[in-house]
Amino acid sequence: LLDNQQQCQQHRWYLFNDAEVKQFDPSQIANECFGGEITSKGYDQGSDRFLDFQFEKTHSAYMLFYERIDTPSTITTTSN
């Protein structure tokens, strides 16, 4: 989500998930949000060593926001 408040000198992006809302670095959009797999190291007790594990990326939801605008106090109509 892009924070577009007029008092901001710089645009700020936010990450919304089930646990928190925090600032997000937009340079990470392709890395974080385009699906695919991520590799992470984890300890495997069976082999007693660290192994690479692959997981599906989960940041792929969409949110739609509406911005309220002021309605005109008078409505003008034209007739043909």
PDB file of N, CA and C in Angstrom:
ATOM      1  N   LEU A   1       0.850  -1.166   0.000  1.00  0.00           N
ATOM      2  CA  LEU A   1       0.000   0.000   0.000  1.00  0.00           C
ATOM      3  C   LEU A   1       0.893   1.225   0.000  1.00  0.00           C
ATOM      4  N   LEU A   2       0.614   2.135  -0.858  1.00  0.00           N
ATOM      5  CA  LEU A   2       1.389   3.372  -0.960  1.00  0.00           C
ATOM      6  C   LEU A   2       0.734   4.450  -0.111  1.00  0.00           C
ATOM      7  N   ASP A   3       1.505   5.055   0.776  1.00  0.00           N
ATOM      8  CA  ASP A   3       1.035   6.167   1.597  1.00  0.00           C
ATOM      9  C   ASP A   3       1.213   7.435   0.780  1.00  0.00           C
ATOM     10  N   ASN A   4       0.114   8.032   0.374  1.00  0.00           N
ATOM     11  CA  ASN A   4       0.225   9.218  -0.477  1.00  0.00           C
ATOM     12  C   ASN A   4      -0.292  10.476   0.218  1.00  0.00           C
ATOM     13  N   GLN A   5      -0.144  10.545   1.521  1.00  0.00           N
ATOM     14  CA  GLN A   5      -0.549  11.747   2.247  1.00  0.00           C
ATOM     15  C   GLN A   5       0.272  12.933   1.752  1.00  0.00           C
ATOM     16  N   GLN A   6      -0.375  14.062   1.611  1.00  0.00           N
ATOM     17  CA  GLN A   6       0.295  15.224   1.023  1.00  0.00           C
ATOM     18  C   GLN A   6       1.437  15.756   1.878  1.00  0.00           C
ATOM     19  N   GLN A   7       1.397  15.563   3.187  1.00  0.00           N
ATOM     20  CA  GLN A   7       2.467  16.091   4.022  1.00  0.00           C
ATOM     21  C   GLN A   7       3.737  15.260   3.929  1.00  0.00           C
ATOM     22  N   CYS A   8       3.702  14.104   3.309  1.00  0.00           N
ATOM     23  CA  CYS A   8       4.890  13.255   3.192  1.00  0.00           C
ATOM     24  C   CYS A   8       5.810  13.780   2.091  1.00  0.00           C
ATOM     25  N   GLN A   9       7.078  13.859   2.385  1.00  0.00           N
ATOM     26  CA  GLN A   9       8.051  14.247   1.378  1.00  0.00           C
ATOM     27  C   GLN A   9       8.387  13.067   0.477  1.00  0.00           C
ATOM     28  N   GLN A  10       8.341  11.859   1.029  1.00  0.00           N
ATOM     29  CA  GLN A  10       8.634  10.652   0.271  1.00  0.00           C
ATOM     30  C   GLN A  10       7.453   9.702   0.382  1.00  0.00           C
ATOM     31  N   HIS A  11       7.237   8.932  -0.675  1.00  0.00           N
ATOM     32  CA  HIS A  11       6.193   7.915  -0.622  1.00  0.00           C
ATOM     33  C   HIS A  11       6.664   6.766   0.250  1.00  0.00           C
ATOM     34  N   ARG A  12       5.746   6.206   1.020  1.00  0.00           N
ATOM     35  CA  ARG A  12       6.057   5.048   1.850  1.00  0.00           C
ATOM     36  C   ARG A  12       5.106   3.924   1.482  1.00  0.00           C
ATOM     37  N   TRP A  13       5.613   2.705   1.422  1.00  0.00           N
ATOM     38  CA  TRP A  13       4.835   1.513   1.137  1.00  0.00           C
ATOM     39  C   TRP A  13       4.691   0.713   2.423  1.00  0.00           C
ATOM     40  N   TYR A  14       3.556  -0.002   2.537  1.00  0.00           N
ATOM     41  CA  TYR A  14       3.291  -0.790   3.734  1.00  0.00           C
ATOM     42  C   TYR A  14       2.955  -2.222   3.366  1.00  0.00           C
ATOM     43  N   LEU A  15       3.388  -3.145   4.224  1.00  0.00           N
ATOM     44  CA  LEU A  15       3.097  -4.566   4.094  1.00  0.00           C
ATOM     45  C   LEU A  15       2.026  -4.912   5.118  1.00  0.00           C
ATOM     46  N   PHE A  16       0.912  -5.488   4.656  1.00  0.00           N
ATOM     47  CA  PHE A  16      -0.161  -5.949   5.534  1.00  0.00           C
ATOM     48  C   PHE A  16      -0.117  -7.468   5.554  1.00  0.00           C
ATOM     49  N   ASN A  17      -0.074  -8.062   6.745  1.00  0.00           N
ATOM     50  CA  ASN A  17      -0.217  -9.512   6.835  1.00  0.00           C
ATOM     51  C   ASN A  17      -1.113  -9.838   8.019  1.00  0.00           C
ATOM     52  N   ASP A  18      -1.251 -11.108   8.354  1.00  0.00           N
ATOM     53  CA  ASP A  18      -2.177 -11.511   9.410  1.00  0.00           C
ATOM     54  C   ASP A  18      -1.751 -11.044  10.789  1.00  0.00           C
ATOM     55  N   ALA A  19      -0.504 -10.698  10.984  1.00  0.00           N
ATOM     56  CA  ALA A  19      -0.004 -10.370  12.315  1.00  0.00           C
ATOM     57  C   ALA A  19       0.357  -8.902  12.504  1.00  0.00           C
ATOM     58  N   GLU A  20       0.717  -8.191  11.431  1.00  0.00           N
ATOM     59  CA  GLU A  20       1.213  -6.827  11.614  1.00  0.00           C
ATOM     60  C   GLU A  20       1.115  -6.016  10.331  1.00  0.00           C
ATOM     61  N   VAL A  21       1.290  -4.721  10.491  1.00  0.00           N
ATOM     62  CA  VAL A  21       1.433  -3.786   9.374  1.00  0.00           C
ATOM     63  C   VAL A  21       2.773  -3.102   9.584  1.00  0.00           C
ATOM     64  N   LYS A  22       3.622  -3.122   8.560  1.00  0.00           N
ATOM     65  CA  LYS A  22       4.936  -2.499   8.702  1.00  0.00           C
ATOM     66  C   LYS A  22       5.355  -1.884   7.377  1.00  0.00           C
ATOM     67  N   GLN A  23       6.336  -0.973   7.447  1.00  0.00           N
ATOM     68  CA  GLN A  23       6.830  -0.359   6.219  1.00  0.00           C
ATOM     69  C   GLN A  23       7.493  -1.413   5.344  1.00  0.00           C
ATOM     70  N   PHE A  24       7.398  -1.196   4.029  1.00  0.00           N
ATOM     71  CA  PHE A  24       7.907  -2.146   3.048  1.00  0.00           C
ATOM     72  C   PHE A  24       8.802  -1.402   2.074  1.00  0.00           C
ATOM     73  N   ASP A  25       9.919  -2.007   1.725  1.00  0.00           N
ATOM     74  CA  ASP A  25      10.857  -1.430   0.764  1.00  0.00           C
ATOM     75  C   ASP A  25      10.384  -1.785  -0.646  1.00  0.00           C
ATOM     76  N   PRO A  26       9.934  -0.812  -1.453  1.00  0.00           N
ATOM     77  CA  PRO A  26       9.402  -1.128  -2.776  1.00  0.00           C
ATOM     78  C   PRO A  26      10.424  -1.742  -3.726  1.00  0.00           C
ATOM     79  N   SER A  27      11.703  -1.626  -3.431  1.00  0.00           N
ATOM     80  CA  SER A  27      12.697  -2.282  -4.291  1.00  0.00           C
ATOM     81  C   SER A  27      12.628  -3.803  -4.141  1.00  0.00           C
ATOM     82  N   GLN A  28      11.902  -4.290  -3.145  1.00  0.00           N
ATOM     83  CA  GLN A  28      11.765  -5.728  -2.906  1.00  0.00           C
ATOM     84  C   GLN A  28      10.478  -6.323  -3.487  1.00  0.00           C
ATOM     85  N   ILE A  29       9.695  -5.537  -4.233  1.00  0.00           N
ATOM     86  CA  ILE A  29       8.417  -6.021  -4.759  1.00  0.00           C
ATOM     87  C   ILE A  29       8.598  -7.270  -5.611  1.00  0.00           C
ATOM     88  N   ALA A  30       9.501  -7.253  -6.566  1.00  0.00           N
ATOM     89  CA  ALA A  30       9.690  -8.425  -7.430  1.00  0.00           C
ATOM     90  C   ALA A  30      10.146  -9.634  -6.631  1.00  0.00           C
ATOM     91  N   ASN A  31      11.042  -9.436  -5.700  1.00  0.00           N
ATOM     92  CA  ASN A  31      11.569 -10.533  -4.895  1.00  0.00           C
ATOM     93  C   ASN A  31      10.516 -11.113  -3.954  1.00  0.00           C
ATOM     94  N   GLU A  32       9.663 -10.264  -3.386  1.00  0.00           N
ATOM     95  CA  GLU A  32       8.710 -10.695  -2.363  1.00  0.00           C
ATOM     96  C   GLU A  32       7.349 -11.103  -2.911  1.00  0.00           C
ATOM     97  N   CYS A  33       6.915 -10.511  -4.016  1.00  0.00           N
ATOM     98  CA  CYS A  33       5.501 -10.608  -4.381  1.00  0.00           C
ATOM     99  C   CYS A  33       5.185 -11.327  -5.685  1.00  0.00           C
ATOM    100  N   PHE A  34       6.156 -11.804  -6.413  1.00  0.00           N
ATOM    101  CA  PHE A  34       5.864 -12.394  -7.709  1.00  0.00           C
ATOM    102  C   PHE A  34       5.813 -13.911  -7.689  1.00  0.00           C
ATOM    103  N   GLY A  35       5.613 -14.510  -6.529  1.00  0.00           N
ATOM    104  CA  GLY A  35       5.475 -15.963  -6.434  1.00  0.00           C
ATOM    105  C   GLY A  35       6.797 -16.680  -6.612  1.00  0.00           C
ATOM    106  N   GLY A  36       6.709 -17.993  -6.763  1.00  0.00           N
ATOM    107  CA  GLY A  36       7.907 -18.801  -6.917  1.00  0.00           C
ATOM    108  C   GLY A  36       8.338 -19.423  -5.604  1.00  0.00           C
ATOM    109  N   GLU A  37       9.574 -19.825  -5.539  1.00  0.00           N
ATOM    110  CA  GLU A  37      10.101 -20.489  -4.354  1.00  0.00           C
ATOM    111  C   GLU A  37      11.230 -19.673  -3.738  1.00  0.00           C
ATOM    112  N   ILE A  38      11.439 -19.898  -2.456  1.00  0.00           N
ATOM    113  CA  ILE A  38      12.546 -19.286  -1.733  1.00  0.00           C
ATOM    114  C   ILE A  38      13.334 -20.409  -1.069  1.00  0.00           C
ATOM    115  N   THR A  39      14.637 -20.274  -1.039  1.00  0.00           N
ATOM    116  CA  THR A  39      15.498 -21.279  -0.409  1.00  0.00           C
ATOM    117  C   THR A  39      15.984 -20.741   0.930  1.00  0.00           C
ATOM    118  N   SER A  40      15.892 -21.589   1.946  1.00  0.00           N
ATOM    119  CA  SER A  40      16.323 -21.212   3.285  1.00  0.00           C
ATOM    120  C   SER A  40      17.103 -22.361   3.902  1.00  0.00           C
ATOM    121  N   LYS A  41      18.111 -22.035   4.679  1.00  0.00           N
ATOM    122  CA  LYS A  41      18.879 -23.079   5.367  1.00  0.00           C
ATOM    123  C   LYS A  41      18.178 -23.443   6.667  1.00  0.00           C
ATOM    124  N   GLY A  42      18.181 -24.737   6.978  1.00  0.00           N
ATOM    125  CA  GLY A  42      17.596 -25.219   8.220  1.00  0.00           C
ATOM    126  C   GLY A  42      18.360 -26.426   8.720  1.00  0.00           C
ATOM    127  N   TYR A  43      18.302 -26.618  10.022  1.00  0.00           N
ATOM    128  CA  TYR A  43      19.022 -27.738  10.628  1.00  0.00           C
ATOM    129  C   TYR A  43      18.179 -29.001  10.522  1.00  0.00           C
ATOM    130  N   ASP A  44      18.775 -30.070  10.028  1.00  0.00           N
ATOM    131  CA  ASP A  44      18.120 -31.376   9.908  1.00  0.00           C
ATOM    132  C   ASP A  44      18.705 -32.312  10.962  1.00  0.00           C
ATOM    133  N   GLN A  45      17.875 -32.705  11.942  1.00  0.00           N
ATOM    134  CA  GLN A  45      18.366 -33.555  13.028  1.00  0.00           C
ATOM    135  C   GLN A  45      18.749 -34.943  12.539  1.00  0.00           C
ATOM    136  N   GLY A  46      18.061 -35.444  11.524  1.00  0.00           N
ATOM    137  CA  GLY A  46      18.359 -36.779  11.005  1.00  0.00           C
ATOM    138  C   GLY A  46      19.765 -36.902  10.458  1.00  0.00           C
ATOM    139  N   SER A  47      20.211 -35.883   9.742  1.00  0.00           N
ATOM    140  CA  SER A  47      21.560 -35.919   9.167  1.00  0.00           C
ATOM    141  C   SER A  47      22.568 -35.139  10.009  1.00  0.00           C
ATOM    142  N   ASP A  48      22.085 -34.450  11.043  1.00  0.00           N
ATOM    143  CA  ASP A  48      22.923 -33.654  11.942  1.00  0.00           C
ATOM    144  C   ASP A  48      23.733 -32.599  11.183  1.00  0.00           C
ATOM    145  N   ARG A  49      23.060 -31.924  10.247  1.00  0.00           N
ATOM    146  CA  ARG A  49      23.717 -30.850   9.499  1.00  0.00           C
ATOM    147  C   ARG A  49      22.669 -29.876   8.965  1.00  0.00           C
ATOM    148  N   PHE A  50      23.148 -28.755   8.455  1.00  0.00           N
ATOM    149  CA  PHE A  50      22.259 -27.763   7.864  1.00  0.00           C
ATOM    150  C   PHE A  50      22.019 -28.110   6.397  1.00  0.00           C
ATOM    151  N   LEU A  51      20.763 -28.020   5.991  1.00  0.00           N
ATOM    152  CA  LEU A  51      20.378 -28.321   4.616  1.00  0.00           C
ATOM    153  C   LEU A  51      19.607 -27.145   4.033  1.00  0.00           C
ATOM    154  N   ASP A  52      19.550 -27.092   2.700  1.00  0.00           N
ATOM    155  CA  ASP A  52      18.726 -26.096   2.021  1.00  0.00           C
ATOM    156  C   ASP A  52      17.310 -26.641   1.886  1.00  0.00           C
ATOM    157  N   PHE A  53      16.322 -25.839   2.297  1.00  0.00           N
ATOM    158  CA  PHE A  53      14.916 -26.193   2.153  1.00  0.00           C
ATOM    159  C   PHE A  53      14.261 -25.175   1.238  1.00  0.00           C
ATOM    160  N   GLN A  54      13.353 -25.629   0.387  1.00  0.00           N
ATOM    161  CA  GLN A  54      12.640 -24.728  -0.512  1.00  0.00           C
ATOM    162  C   GLN A  54      11.188 -24.611  -0.066  1.00  0.00           C
ATOM    163  N   PHE A  55      10.689 -23.362  -0.091  1.00  0.00           N
ATOM    164  CA  PHE A  55       9.316 -23.064   0.294  1.00  0.00           C
ATOM    165  C   PHE A  55       8.686 -22.193  -0.776  1.00  0.00           C
ATOM    166  N   GLU A  56       7.371 -22.317  -0.927  1.00  0.00           N
ATOM    167  CA  GLU A  56       6.637 -21.419  -1.817  1.00  0.00           C
ATOM    168  C   GLU A  56       6.542 -20.044  -1.169  1.00  0.00           C
ATOM    169  N   LYS A  57       6.725 -19.002  -1.959  1.00  0.00           N
ATOM    170  CA  LYS A  57       6.530 -17.640  -1.453  1.00  0.00           C
ATOM    171  C   LYS A  57       5.035 -17.427  -1.220  1.00  0.00           C
ATOM    172  N   THR A  58       4.713 -16.723  -0.159  1.00  0.00           N
ATOM    173  CA  THR A  58       3.300 -16.577   0.205  1.00  0.00           C
ATOM    174  C   THR A  58       2.773 -15.154   0.104  1.00  0.00           C
ATOM    175  N   HIS A  59       3.581 -14.178  -0.277  1.00  0.00           N
ATOM    176  CA  HIS A  59       3.113 -12.793  -0.368  1.00  0.00           C
ATOM    177  C   HIS A  59       2.527 -12.539  -1.751  1.00  0.00           C
ATOM    178  N   SER A  60       1.272 -12.906  -1.935  1.00  0.00           N
ATOM    179  CA  SER A  60       0.694 -12.723  -3.260  1.00  0.00           C
ATOM    180  C   SER A  60      -0.779 -12.327  -3.214  1.00  0.00           C
ATOM    181  N   ALA A  61      -1.235 -11.716  -2.143  1.00  0.00           N
ATOM    182  CA  ALA A  61      -2.634 -11.308  -2.039  1.00  0.00           C
ATOM    183  C   ALA A  61      -2.829  -9.912  -2.627  1.00  0.00           C
ATOM    184  N   TYR A  62      -4.076  -9.579  -2.881  1.00  0.00           N
ATOM    185  CA  TYR A  62      -4.415  -8.262  -3.403  1.00  0.00           C
ATOM    186  C   TYR A  62      -5.395  -7.590  -2.453  1.00  0.00           C
ATOM    187  N   MET A  63      -5.276  -6.286  -2.325  1.00  0.00           N
ATOM    188  CA  MET A  63      -6.219  -5.500  -1.535  1.00  0.00           C
ATOM    189  C   MET A  63      -6.657  -4.326  -2.399  1.00  0.00           C
ATOM    190  N   LEU A  64      -7.926  -3.997  -2.322  1.00  0.00           N
ATOM    191  CA  LEU A  64      -8.464  -2.873  -3.080  1.00  0.00           C
ATOM    192  C   LEU A  64      -8.914  -1.808  -2.092  1.00  0.00           C
ATOM    193  N   PHE A  65      -8.477  -0.580  -2.302  1.00  0.00           N
ATOM    194  CA  PHE A  65      -8.833   0.532  -1.428  1.00  0.00           C
ATOM    195  C   PHE A  65      -9.554   1.589  -2.244  1.00  0.00           C
ATOM    196  N   TYR A  66     -10.535   2.199  -1.624  1.00  0.00           N
ATOM    197  CA  TYR A  66     -11.242   3.315  -2.232  1.00  0.00           C
ATOM    198  C   TYR A  66     -10.909   4.577  -1.459  1.00  0.00           C
ATOM    199  N   GLU A  67     -10.795   5.670  -2.172  1.00  0.00           N
ATOM    200  CA  GLU A  67     -10.564   6.954  -1.528  1.00  0.00           C
ATOM    201  C   GLU A  67     -11.829   7.787  -1.650  1.00  0.00           C
ATOM    202  N   ARG A  68     -12.329   8.240  -0.511  1.00  0.00           N
ATOM    203  CA  ARG A  68     -13.548   9.042  -0.509  1.00  0.00           C
ATOM    204  C   ARG A  68     -13.238  10.432  -1.059  1.00  0.00           C
ATOM    205  N   ILE A  69     -14.125  10.931  -1.908  1.00  0.00           N
ATOM    206  CA  ILE A  69     -13.979  12.290  -2.419  1.00  0.00           C
ATOM    207  C   ILE A  69     -15.198  13.090  -1.992  1.00  0.00           C
ATOM    208  N   ASP A  70     -15.029  14.375  -1.873  1.00  0.00           N
ATOM    209  CA  ASP A  70     -16.149  15.238  -1.515  1.00  0.00           C
ATOM    210  C   ASP A  70     -17.120  15.307  -2.677  1.00  0.00           C
ATOM    211  N   THR A  71     -18.412  15.270  -2.345  1.00  0.00           N
ATOM    212  CA  THR A  71     -19.422  15.408  -3.387  1.00  0.00           C
ATOM    213  C   THR A  71     -19.753  16.885  -3.541  1.00  0.00           C
ATOM    214  N   PRO A  72     -20.057  17.311  -4.744  1.00  0.00           N
ATOM    215  CA  PRO A  72     -20.398  18.723  -4.933  1.00  0.00           C
ATOM    216  C   PRO A  72     -21.681  19.055  -4.163  1.00  0.00           C
ATOM    217  N   SER A  73     -21.768  20.270  -3.629  1.00  0.00           N
ATOM    218  CA  SER A  73     -22.953  20.659  -2.859  1.00  0.00           C
ATOM    219  C   SER A  73     -24.159  20.879  -3.764  1.00  0.00           C
ATOM    220  N   THR A  74     -23.927  21.202  -5.025  1.00  0.00           N
ATOM    221  CA  THR A  74     -25.033  21.352  -5.970  1.00  0.00           C
ATOM    222  C   THR A  74     -24.759  20.488  -7.183  1.00  0.00           C
ATOM    223  N   ILE A  75     -25.812  19.964  -7.728  1.00  0.00           N
ATOM    224  CA  ILE A  75     -25.692  19.137  -8.930  1.00  0.00           C
ATOM    225  C   ILE A  75     -26.325  19.907 -10.075  1.00  0.00           C
ATOM    226  N   THR A  76     -25.585  20.086 -11.138  1.00  0.00           N
ATOM    227  CA  THR A  76     -26.117  20.790 -12.300  1.00  0.00           C
ATOM    228  C   THR A  76     -26.437  19.779 -13.381  1.00  0.00           C
ATOM    229  N   THR A  77     -27.534  20.001 -14.039  1.00  0.00           N
ATOM    230  CA  THR A  77     -27.926  19.124 -15.139  1.00  0.00           C
ATOM    231  C   THR A  77     -28.098  19.965 -16.388  1.00  0.00           C
ATOM    232  N   THR A  78     -27.923  19.339 -17.516  1.00  0.00           N
ATOM    233  CA  THR A  78     -28.143  20.021 -18.787  1.00  0.00           C
ATOM    234  C   THR A  78     -29.262  19.305 -19.512  1.00  0.00           C
ATOM    235  N   SER A  79     -30.074  20.063 -20.190  1.00  0.00           N
ATOM    236  CA  SER A  79     -31.144  19.447 -20.977  1.00  0.00           C
ATOM    237  C   SER A  79     -30.866  19.688 -22.452  1.00  0.00           C
ATOM    238  N   ASN A  80     -31.275  18.737 -23.262  1.00  0.00           N
ATOM    239  CA  ASN A  80     -31.023  18.837 -24.705  1.00  0.00           C
ATOM    240  C   ASN A  80     -32.066  19.622 -25.390  1.00  0.00           C
TER     241      ASN A  80
END
